[in-house]
Amino acid sequence: MNKLVEKSHQIFLLAIPIVLLIGILNKHEVLDISVHDTYYVISYLDLAIIVSVFFLIIGIGYWIVKKADKKLSKWLSYIHIGLTFGGMIVVYILAQFYRTDIIEFEFNNSLSLIITLIVLLIILGQLIFPVNIIYGLIKKE
């Protein structure tokens, strides 16, 4: 598990081609989010590009801290990586349970709520990254 913290930049940088490949394979599909009377529509390819750029920034951040010979908090790194990748996997799996029948509206509505809460948890988990970087830079050896 220590390798996970030591090479956390590689995890994010290696995830970029995988995310881009998933986006390219699903480029004709769209993600539509309904908030009250407004629909937000984004293609999977655009979403994959945004996530890849985000992973690139995170990977470079972890790499810079490693090159500066600073130590990050192991627990903050575990939580950040776990929420980022674990949350994305859970959201993907839950999204496969959507029902197409109109009768299943209640089920889809509850599932949407759960997915939304997990996505919010992932976004809040991204706040751990700058906290961990700042902690690593100001921590005395």
N, C-alpha and C. Protein backbone atom coordinates (compact mmCIF):
# COMPACT_ATOMS: atom_id res chain seq x y z
N MET A 1 0.81 -1.20 0.00
CA MET A 1 0.00 0.00 0.00
C MET A 1 0.85 1.26 0.00
N ASN A 2 2.08 1.17 0.49
CA ASN A 2 2.95 2.34 0.46
C ASN A 2 3.28 2.74 -0.97
N LYS A 3 3.30 1.76 -1.88
CA LYS A 3 3.56 2.07 -3.29
C LYS A 3 2.46 2.97 -3.85
N LEU A 4 1.25 2.82 -3.31
CA LEU A 4 0.14 3.64 -3.76
C LEU A 4 0.40 5.11 -3.47
N VAL A 5 0.97 5.40 -2.32
CA VAL A 5 1.27 6.79 -1.96
C VAL A 5 2.52 7.26 -2.68
N GLU A 6 3.52 6.40 -2.78
CA GLU A 6 4.77 6.79 -3.42
C GLU A 6 4.61 7.05 -4.92
N LYS A 7 3.73 6.31 -5.56
CA LYS A 7 3.56 6.43 -7.01
C LYS A 7 2.15 6.87 -7.37
N SER A 8 1.57 7.72 -6.55
CA SER A 8 0.20 8.16 -6.79
C SER A 8 0.10 8.96 -8.09
N HIS A 9 1.17 9.63 -8.47
CA HIS A 9 1.13 10.38 -9.74
C HIS A 9 0.98 9.43 -10.92
N GLN A 10 1.57 8.24 -10.84
CA GLN A 10 1.47 7.28 -11.94
C GLN A 10 0.05 6.74 -12.08
N ILE A 11 -0.64 6.59 -10.96
CA ILE A 11 -2.02 6.10 -11.02
C ILE A 11 -2.88 7.06 -11.82
N PHE A 12 -2.75 8.35 -11.54
CA PHE A 12 -3.57 9.33 -12.25
C PHE A 12 -3.14 9.47 -13.70
N LEU A 13 -1.84 9.43 -13.96
CA LEU A 13 -1.37 9.56 -15.34
C LEU A 13 -1.70 8.34 -16.17
N LEU A 14 -1.69 7.14 -15.57
CA LEU A 14 -2.07 5.93 -16.30
C LEU A 14 -3.58 5.84 -16.52
N ALA A 15 -4.35 6.52 -15.70
CA ALA A 15 -5.81 6.50 -15.86
C ALA A 15 -6.27 7.36 -17.03
N ILE A 16 -5.43 8.30 -17.47
CA ILE A 16 -5.81 9.20 -18.56
C ILE A 16 -6.13 8.45 -19.85
N PRO A 17 -5.25 7.55 -20.35
CA PRO A 17 -5.60 6.85 -21.58
C PRO A 17 -6.84 5.96 -21.44
N ILE A 18 -7.04 5.40 -20.25
CA ILE A 18 -8.22 4.56 -20.04
C ILE A 18 -9.49 5.39 -20.12
N VAL A 19 -9.48 6.54 -19.47
CA VAL A 19 -10.65 7.43 -19.49
C VAL A 19 -10.91 7.93 -20.91
N LEU A 20 -9.85 8.30 -21.63
CA LEU A 20 -10.01 8.76 -23.01
C LEU A 20 -10.54 7.64 -23.91
N LEU A 21 -10.06 6.42 -23.71
CA LEU A 21 -10.55 5.30 -24.51
C LEU A 21 -12.03 5.05 -24.27
N ILE A 22 -12.45 5.10 -23.02
CA ILE A 22 -13.88 4.94 -22.71
C ILE A 22 -14.68 6.06 -23.36
N GLY A 23 -14.16 7.28 -23.32
CA GLY A 23 -14.85 8.41 -23.95
C GLY A 23 -14.94 8.25 -25.46
N ILE A 24 -13.88 7.77 -26.09
CA ILE A 24 -13.88 7.59 -27.55
C ILE A 24 -14.84 6.48 -27.95
N LEU A 25 -14.86 5.40 -27.18
CA LEU A 25 -15.75 4.28 -27.51
C LEU A 25 -17.22 4.66 -27.33
N ASN A 26 -17.50 5.62 -26.46
CA ASN A 26 -18.88 6.05 -26.21
C ASN A 26 -19.13 7.47 -26.72
N LYS A 27 -18.43 7.88 -27.77
CA LYS A 27 -18.50 9.28 -28.21
C LYS A 27 -19.86 9.69 -28.73
N HIS A 28 -20.69 8.75 -29.12
CA HIS A 28 -22.01 9.11 -29.64
C HIS A 28 -23.08 9.13 -28.55
N GLU A 29 -22.70 8.77 -27.33
CA GLU A 29 -23.64 8.80 -26.23
C GLU A 29 -23.49 10.10 -25.45
N VAL A 30 -24.54 10.49 -24.77
CA VAL A 30 -24.50 11.73 -24.00
C VAL A 30 -24.96 11.47 -22.58
N LEU A 31 -24.50 12.31 -21.71
CA LEU A 31 -24.93 12.30 -20.32
C LEU A 31 -25.87 13.49 -20.17
N ASP A 32 -27.10 13.23 -19.81
CA ASP A 32 -28.02 14.34 -19.60
C ASP A 32 -28.44 14.37 -18.14
N ILE A 33 -28.33 15.55 -17.58
CA ILE A 33 -28.63 15.76 -16.17
C ILE A 33 -29.81 16.72 -16.11
N SER A 34 -30.85 16.29 -15.44
CA SER A 34 -32.05 17.11 -15.31
C SER A 34 -32.07 17.75 -13.92
N VAL A 35 -32.07 19.07 -13.91
CA VAL A 35 -32.20 19.81 -12.67
C VAL A 35 -33.44 20.68 -12.81
N HIS A 36 -34.50 20.26 -12.13
CA HIS A 36 -35.81 20.90 -12.23
C HIS A 36 -36.26 20.95 -13.70
N ASP A 37 -36.33 22.11 -14.30
CA ASP A 37 -36.79 22.20 -15.69
C ASP A 37 -35.66 22.40 -16.67
N THR A 38 -34.44 22.25 -16.23
CA THR A 38 -33.29 22.49 -17.10
C THR A 38 -32.53 21.19 -17.32
N TYR A 39 -32.18 20.93 -18.58
CA TYR A 39 -31.38 19.76 -18.92
C TYR A 39 -29.97 20.20 -19.28
N TYR A 40 -28.99 19.55 -18.67
CA TYR A 40 -27.59 19.78 -19.02
C TYR A 40 -27.13 18.53 -19.78
N VAL A 41 -26.63 18.73 -20.99
CA VAL A 41 -26.24 17.62 -21.84
C VAL A 41 -24.76 17.76 -22.18
N ILE A 42 -24.00 16.68 -21.97
CA ILE A 42 -22.59 16.67 -22.31
C ILE A 42 -22.27 15.29 -22.89
N SER A 43 -21.48 15.28 -23.95
CA SER A 43 -21.13 13.99 -24.55
C SER A 43 -20.07 13.31 -23.69
N TYR A 44 -20.04 11.99 -23.79
CA TYR A 44 -19.06 11.23 -23.01
C TYR A 44 -17.63 11.58 -23.42
N LEU A 45 -17.42 11.90 -24.70
CA LEU A 45 -16.09 12.27 -25.15
C LEU A 45 -15.64 13.58 -24.49
N ASP A 46 -16.52 14.56 -24.44
CA ASP A 46 -16.18 15.82 -23.78
C ASP A 46 -15.94 15.61 -22.29
N LEU A 47 -16.77 14.79 -21.67
CA LEU A 47 -16.59 14.48 -20.25
C LEU A 47 -15.26 13.77 -20.01
N ALA A 48 -14.90 12.86 -20.90
CA ALA A 48 -13.63 12.13 -20.77
C ALA A 48 -12.45 13.09 -20.91
N ILE A 49 -12.55 14.06 -21.80
CA ILE A 49 -11.47 15.03 -21.96
C ILE A 49 -11.33 15.89 -20.71
N ILE A 50 -12.45 16.32 -20.15
CA ILE A 50 -12.42 17.13 -18.92
C ILE A 50 -11.81 16.34 -17.77
N VAL A 51 -12.22 15.09 -17.60
CA VAL A 51 -11.69 14.25 -16.52
C VAL A 51 -10.21 13.98 -16.75
N SER A 52 -9.80 13.78 -18.00
CA SER A 52 -8.39 13.52 -18.31
C SER A 52 -7.51 14.73 -17.97
N VAL A 53 -7.99 15.92 -18.30
CA VAL A 53 -7.23 17.12 -17.95
C VAL A 53 -7.14 17.26 -16.44
N PHE A 54 -8.23 16.96 -15.75
CA PHE A 54 -8.23 17.01 -14.29
C PHE A 54 -7.24 16.01 -13.71
N PHE A 55 -7.22 14.79 -14.24
CA PHE A 55 -6.26 13.78 -13.79
C PHE A 55 -4.83 14.20 -14.10
N LEU A 56 -4.62 14.87 -15.23
CA LEU A 56 -3.29 15.35 -15.57
C LEU A 56 -2.80 16.37 -14.55
N ILE A 57 -3.67 17.29 -14.16
CA ILE A 57 -3.31 18.30 -13.17
C ILE A 57 -2.98 17.65 -11.83
N ILE A 58 -3.79 16.68 -11.42
CA ILE A 58 -3.54 15.99 -10.16
C ILE A 58 -2.24 15.19 -10.24
N GLY A 59 -2.03 14.48 -11.34
CA GLY A 59 -0.81 13.70 -11.49
C GLY A 59 0.43 14.56 -11.46
N ILE A 60 0.39 15.70 -12.13
CA ILE A 60 1.53 16.62 -12.12
C ILE A 60 1.75 17.18 -10.71
N GLY A 61 0.66 17.46 -10.00
CA GLY A 61 0.79 17.95 -8.62
C GLY A 61 1.48 16.94 -7.72
N TYR A 62 1.06 15.68 -7.79
CA TYR A 62 1.71 14.64 -7.00
C TYR A 62 3.17 14.45 -7.42
N TRP A 63 3.42 14.55 -8.71
CA TRP A 63 4.79 14.37 -9.23
C TRP A 63 5.71 15.49 -8.74
N ILE A 64 5.22 16.73 -8.75
CA ILE A 64 6.03 17.87 -8.28
C ILE A 64 6.39 17.70 -6.81
N VAL A 65 5.43 17.28 -6.00
CA VAL A 65 5.71 17.08 -4.59
C VAL A 65 6.74 15.97 -4.40
N LYS A 66 6.64 14.91 -5.20
CA LYS A 66 7.62 13.82 -5.11
C LYS A 66 9.01 14.30 -5.52
N LYS A 67 9.10 15.09 -6.60
CA LYS A 67 10.40 15.60 -7.05
C LYS A 67 10.99 16.60 -6.06
N ALA A 68 10.15 17.26 -5.29
CA ALA A 68 10.63 18.20 -4.27
C ALA A 68 11.05 17.48 -2.99
N ASP A 69 10.99 16.15 -3.00
CA ASP A 69 11.34 15.32 -1.83
C ASP A 69 10.53 15.68 -0.60
N LYS A 70 9.27 15.95 -0.79
CA LYS A 70 8.36 16.23 0.33
C LYS A 70 7.49 15.00 0.55
N LYS A 71 7.06 14.81 1.77
CA LYS A 71 6.23 13.66 2.13
C LYS A 71 4.79 14.11 2.29
N LEU A 72 3.90 13.41 1.62
CA LEU A 72 2.47 13.66 1.76
C LEU A 72 1.91 12.78 2.87
N SER A 73 0.77 13.16 3.37
CA SER A 73 0.08 12.35 4.36
C SER A 73 -0.46 11.10 3.68
N LYS A 74 -0.12 9.94 4.24
CA LYS A 74 -0.58 8.68 3.64
C LYS A 74 -2.10 8.57 3.68
N TRP A 75 -2.67 8.95 4.81
CA TRP A 75 -4.12 8.82 4.95
C TRP A 75 -4.87 9.75 4.00
N LEU A 76 -4.39 10.97 3.85
CA LEU A 76 -5.04 11.88 2.93
C LEU A 76 -4.92 11.38 1.49
N SER A 77 -3.76 10.81 1.16
CA SER A 77 -3.59 10.25 -0.18
C SER A 77 -4.50 9.06 -0.41
N TYR A 78 -4.59 8.17 0.58
CA TYR A 78 -5.49 7.01 0.44
C TYR A 78 -6.94 7.45 0.26
N ILE A 79 -7.36 8.41 1.06
CA ILE A 79 -8.74 8.89 0.98
C ILE A 79 -8.99 9.54 -0.38
N HIS A 80 -8.07 10.37 -0.84
CA HIS A 80 -8.23 11.05 -2.12
C HIS A 80 -8.30 10.05 -3.27
N ILE A 81 -7.37 9.12 -3.32
CA ILE A 81 -7.35 8.15 -4.41
C ILE A 81 -8.56 7.22 -4.32
N GLY A 82 -8.91 6.80 -3.11
CA GLY A 82 -10.06 5.92 -2.93
C GLY A 82 -11.37 6.57 -3.33
N LEU A 83 -11.56 7.82 -2.92
CA LEU A 83 -12.79 8.52 -3.31
C LEU A 83 -12.84 8.78 -4.80
N THR A 84 -11.69 9.11 -5.40
CA THR A 84 -11.67 9.44 -6.82
C THR A 84 -11.99 8.21 -7.65
N PHE A 85 -11.19 7.16 -7.51
CA PHE A 85 -11.37 5.99 -8.36
C PHE A 85 -12.49 5.07 -7.88
N GLY A 86 -12.57 4.86 -6.58
CA GLY A 86 -13.65 4.03 -6.04
C GLY A 86 -15.01 4.64 -6.31
N GLY A 87 -15.11 5.95 -6.12
CA GLY A 87 -16.38 6.63 -6.38
C GLY A 87 -16.79 6.56 -7.84
N MET A 88 -15.81 6.73 -8.74
CA MET A 88 -16.13 6.65 -10.17
C MET A 88 -16.59 5.26 -10.56
N ILE A 89 -15.98 4.24 -9.99
CA ILE A 89 -16.38 2.86 -10.28
C ILE A 89 -17.78 2.58 -9.75
N VAL A 90 -18.07 3.04 -8.54
CA VAL A 90 -19.39 2.83 -7.95
C VAL A 90 -20.46 3.55 -8.77
N VAL A 91 -20.18 4.78 -9.20
CA VAL A 91 -21.15 5.53 -10.02
C VAL A 91 -21.39 4.80 -11.34
N TYR A 92 -20.33 4.30 -11.96
CA TYR A 92 -20.49 3.56 -13.22
C TYR A 92 -21.34 2.32 -13.03
N ILE A 93 -21.09 1.57 -11.95
CA ILE A 93 -21.86 0.35 -11.70
C ILE A 93 -23.32 0.69 -11.41
N LEU A 94 -23.57 1.70 -10.59
CA LEU A 94 -24.95 2.08 -10.28
C LEU A 94 -25.69 2.59 -11.50
N ALA A 95 -24.99 3.26 -12.41
CA ALA A 95 -25.64 3.77 -13.61
C ALA A 95 -26.14 2.64 -14.51
N GLN A 96 -25.57 1.45 -14.38
CA GLN A 96 -26.01 0.31 -15.19
C GLN A 96 -27.37 -0.23 -14.74
N PHE A 97 -27.83 0.17 -13.56
CA PHE A 97 -29.09 -0.33 -13.02
C PHE A 97 -30.30 0.51 -13.42
N TYR A 98 -30.08 1.58 -14.20
CA TYR A 98 -31.22 2.39 -14.63
C TYR A 98 -32.21 1.55 -15.41
N ARG A 99 -33.49 1.77 -15.17
CA ARG A 99 -34.56 1.06 -15.85
C ARG A 99 -35.15 1.95 -16.94
N THR A 100 -35.56 1.35 -18.01
CA THR A 100 -36.11 2.13 -19.13
C THR A 100 -37.63 2.24 -19.08
N ASP A 101 -38.29 1.39 -18.31
CA ASP A 101 -39.75 1.47 -18.22
C ASP A 101 -40.18 2.69 -17.42
N ILE A 102 -41.25 3.32 -17.87
CA ILE A 102 -41.75 4.51 -17.19
C ILE A 102 -42.31 4.14 -15.81
N ILE A 103 -42.73 2.89 -15.63
CA ILE A 103 -43.26 2.43 -14.36
C ILE A 103 -42.19 2.48 -13.27
N GLU A 104 -40.95 2.36 -13.66
CA GLU A 104 -39.85 2.31 -12.71
C GLU A 104 -39.33 3.71 -12.34
N PHE A 105 -40.16 4.75 -12.48
CA PHE A 105 -39.74 6.11 -12.19
C PHE A 105 -39.23 6.26 -10.76
N GLU A 106 -39.93 5.65 -9.81
CA GLU A 106 -39.54 5.75 -8.40
C GLU A 106 -38.15 5.15 -8.17
N PHE A 107 -37.89 3.99 -8.78
CA PHE A 107 -36.58 3.35 -8.65
C PHE A 107 -35.49 4.22 -9.25
N ASN A 108 -35.72 4.75 -10.46
CA ASN A 108 -34.72 5.60 -11.12
C ASN A 108 -34.49 6.89 -10.34
N ASN A 109 -35.54 7.42 -9.76
CA ASN A 109 -35.41 8.65 -8.98
C ASN A 109 -34.54 8.41 -7.75
N SER A 110 -34.74 7.30 -7.06
CA SER A 110 -33.92 6.97 -5.89
C SER A 110 -32.48 6.69 -6.31
N LEU A 111 -32.31 6.00 -7.42
CA LEU A 111 -30.97 5.70 -7.92
C LEU A 111 -30.24 6.99 -8.31
N SER A 112 -30.96 7.92 -8.91
CA SER A 112 -30.35 9.21 -9.27
C SER A 112 -29.89 9.96 -8.03
N LEU A 113 -30.67 9.89 -6.97
CA LEU A 113 -30.30 10.55 -5.72
C LEU A 113 -29.02 9.94 -5.15
N ILE A 114 -28.94 8.62 -5.16
CA ILE A 114 -27.74 7.95 -4.63
C ILE A 114 -26.52 8.32 -5.48
N ILE A 115 -26.66 8.29 -6.79
CA ILE A 115 -25.54 8.63 -7.67
C ILE A 115 -25.12 10.08 -7.46
N THR A 116 -26.08 10.97 -7.31
CA THR A 116 -25.77 12.37 -7.08
C THR A 116 -25.00 12.57 -5.77
N LEU A 117 -25.41 11.87 -4.72
CA LEU A 117 -24.71 11.97 -3.44
C LEU A 117 -23.28 11.44 -3.54
N ILE A 118 -23.10 10.35 -4.29
CA ILE A 118 -21.75 9.81 -4.46
C ILE A 118 -20.88 10.77 -5.27
N VAL A 119 -21.44 11.37 -6.31
CA VAL A 119 -20.69 12.35 -7.11
C VAL A 119 -20.30 13.55 -6.25
N LEU A 120 -21.21 14.01 -5.40
CA LEU A 120 -20.88 15.11 -4.49
C LEU A 120 -19.77 14.71 -3.51
N LEU A 121 -19.79 13.48 -3.06
CA LEU A 121 -18.74 12.98 -2.18
C LEU A 121 -17.40 12.94 -2.92
N ILE A 122 -17.42 12.55 -4.19
CA ILE A 122 -16.20 12.55 -5.00
C ILE A 122 -15.67 13.97 -5.15
N ILE A 123 -16.55 14.91 -5.43
CA ILE A 123 -16.14 16.30 -5.59
C ILE A 123 -15.58 16.86 -4.28
N LEU A 124 -16.23 16.57 -3.17
CA LEU A 124 -15.71 17.01 -1.87
C LEU A 124 -14.37 16.33 -1.58
N GLY A 125 -14.21 15.10 -2.03
CA GLY A 125 -12.95 14.40 -1.84
C GLY A 125 -11.80 15.04 -2.60
N GLN A 126 -12.11 15.78 -3.66
CA GLN A 126 -11.05 16.45 -4.41
C GLN A 126 -10.47 17.62 -3.64
N LEU A 127 -11.17 18.09 -2.64
CA LEU A 127 -10.63 19.15 -1.79
C LEU A 127 -9.49 18.63 -0.92
N ILE A 128 -9.42 17.31 -0.76
CA ILE A 128 -8.34 16.72 0.02
C ILE A 128 -7.01 16.88 -0.70
N PHE A 129 -7.03 16.90 -2.04
CA PHE A 129 -5.79 17.01 -2.82
C PHE A 129 -5.01 18.27 -2.50
N PRO A 130 -5.59 19.48 -2.60
CA PRO A 130 -4.78 20.66 -2.26
C PRO A 130 -4.38 20.71 -0.78
N VAL A 131 -5.24 20.19 0.09
CA VAL A 131 -4.89 20.14 1.51
C VAL A 131 -3.67 19.25 1.71
N ASN A 132 -3.64 18.11 1.03
CA ASN A 132 -2.52 17.19 1.14
C ASN A 132 -1.25 17.80 0.56
N ILE A 133 -1.36 18.50 -0.56
CA ILE A 133 -0.19 19.14 -1.18
C ILE A 133 0.36 20.21 -0.24
N ILE A 134 -0.50 21.05 0.30
CA ILE A 134 -0.06 22.11 1.22
C ILE A 134 0.56 21.49 2.47
N TYR A 135 -0.07 20.44 2.98
CA TYR A 135 0.47 19.74 4.16
C TYR A 135 1.87 19.20 3.87
N GLY A 136 2.04 18.60 2.67
CA GLY A 136 3.34 18.04 2.31
C GLY A 136 4.40 19.10 2.13
N LEU A 137 4.03 20.26 1.62
CA LEU A 137 5.01 21.32 1.37
C LEU A 137 5.44 22.04 2.65
N ILE A 138 4.53 22.16 3.61
CA ILE A 138 4.90 22.90 4.83
C ILE A 138 5.35 21.98 5.96
N LYS A 139 5.16 20.68 5.80
CA LYS A 139 5.55 19.72 6.84
C LYS A 139 7.07 19.69 6.98
N LYS A 140 7.52 19.74 8.22
CA LYS A 140 8.96 19.66 8.47
C LYS A 140 9.35 18.21 8.64
N GLU A 141 10.50 17.87 8.13
CA GLU A 141 10.99 16.49 8.18
C GLU A 141 11.40 16.13 9.59
